[in-house]
Amino acid sequence: MKNTKKTSKSIASKASKILQDPSASKISKSLAASALSQSNSNKQTSADMESIASMVEKSKKYSSETKSLAGSVLSQSNKKR
C-alpha cells in the first residue's frame, strides 16, 4: 500500500535550514534531504533511509531536531516494509 503522507511545512523548513548549515552532520543532512524530497511529491522513504532513521530514533546521541526529521522520514515509509 502506497504511503501518501507528505512532509509538513515546519519539518520542511527545519530540513532546509539543516541543509544550509555547514556544521550539520552527514546523517542530519541525509534525513533533511529525504524529508524535503517528500514535501511536494508522492515519493516514499527508501529502505536505506528507513534504516538510518530508525537508528537515529533509537540513539541517544542525536538532537531532538535530527530525531524529528527521522520521525518524519519514517512516517513516510512503505507500509509493507
Protein backbone atom coordinates (compact mmCIF):
# COMPACT_ATOMS: atom_id res chain seq x y z
CA MET A 1 0.00 0.00 0.00
CA LYS A 2 1.44 3.33 -1.04
CA ASN A 3 2.00 5.84 1.74
CA THR A 4 0.65 9.24 0.70
CA LYS A 5 1.93 11.27 3.66
CA LYS A 6 3.94 14.38 2.89
CA THR A 7 6.48 16.36 4.91
CA SER A 8 4.87 19.18 6.92
CA LYS A 9 5.85 22.80 6.31
CA SER A 10 7.55 23.05 9.71
CA ILE A 11 9.69 19.96 9.09
CA ALA A 12 10.49 21.14 5.56
CA SER A 13 11.64 24.47 6.99
CA LYS A 14 13.89 22.71 9.55
CA ALA A 15 15.24 20.46 6.80
CA SER A 16 16.09 23.44 4.62
CA LYS A 17 17.99 25.11 7.46
CA ILE A 18 19.93 21.92 8.19
CA LEU A 19 20.96 21.55 4.55
CA GLN A 20 22.34 25.09 4.63
CA ASP A 21 24.24 24.57 7.89
CA PRO A 22 27.90 23.71 7.18
CA SER A 23 28.28 22.21 10.66
CA ALA A 24 25.31 19.83 10.36
CA SER A 25 26.17 16.13 10.41
CA LYS A 26 26.04 13.95 7.32
CA ILE A 27 23.17 11.94 8.81
CA SER A 28 21.19 15.10 9.60
CA LYS A 29 21.68 16.32 6.05
CA SER A 30 20.65 12.94 4.60
CA LEU A 31 17.47 12.92 6.67
CA ALA A 32 16.79 16.56 5.75
CA ALA A 33 17.21 15.82 2.05
CA SER A 34 14.89 12.82 2.29
CA ALA A 35 12.24 14.82 4.15
CA LEU A 36 12.44 17.70 1.66
CA SER A 37 12.18 15.38 -1.33
CA GLN A 38 8.88 14.15 0.11
CA SER A 39 7.39 17.56 0.82
CA ASN A 40 5.63 18.08 -2.51
CA SER A 41 5.68 14.68 -4.12
CA ASN A 42 4.42 11.15 -3.72
CA LYS A 43 7.90 9.77 -3.07
CA GLN A 44 8.35 7.29 -0.26
CA THR A 45 11.28 6.69 2.06
CA SER A 46 13.79 4.17 0.74
CA ALA A 47 14.68 1.08 2.75
CA ASP A 48 18.17 2.51 3.37
CA MET A 49 16.78 5.78 4.74
CA GLU A 50 14.31 3.82 6.88
CA SER A 51 17.25 2.01 8.48
CA ILE A 52 19.15 5.25 9.11
CA ALA A 53 16.09 7.00 10.53
CA SER A 54 15.33 4.03 12.78
CA MET A 55 18.90 4.03 14.10
CA VAL A 56 18.69 7.78 14.82
CA GLU A 57 15.40 7.35 16.68
CA LYS A 58 16.93 4.66 18.94
CA SER A 59 20.18 6.52 19.61
CA LYS A 60 20.77 8.98 22.44
CA LYS A 61 23.48 10.91 20.62
CA TYR A 62 21.26 12.78 18.13
CA SER A 63 19.50 16.09 18.76
CA SER A 64 15.73 16.41 19.03
CA GLU A 65 15.79 18.25 15.69
CA THR A 66 17.51 15.32 13.96
CA LYS A 67 15.10 12.91 15.63
CA SER A 68 12.12 14.92 14.40
CA LEU A 69 13.45 14.60 10.85
CA ALA A 70 13.92 10.86 11.40
CA GLY A 71 10.35 10.55 12.63
CA SER A 72 9.04 12.37 9.58
CA VAL A 73 11.07 10.19 7.24
CA LEU A 74 9.87 7.01 8.98
CA SER A 75 6.24 8.10 8.85
CA GLN A 76 6.53 8.32 5.06
CA SER A 77 7.95 4.86 4.56
CA ASN A 78 6.39 2.00 2.63
CA LYS A 79 3.70 0.45 4.83
CA LYS A 80 4.52 -3.08 3.63
CA ARG A 81 8.08 -2.96 4.98
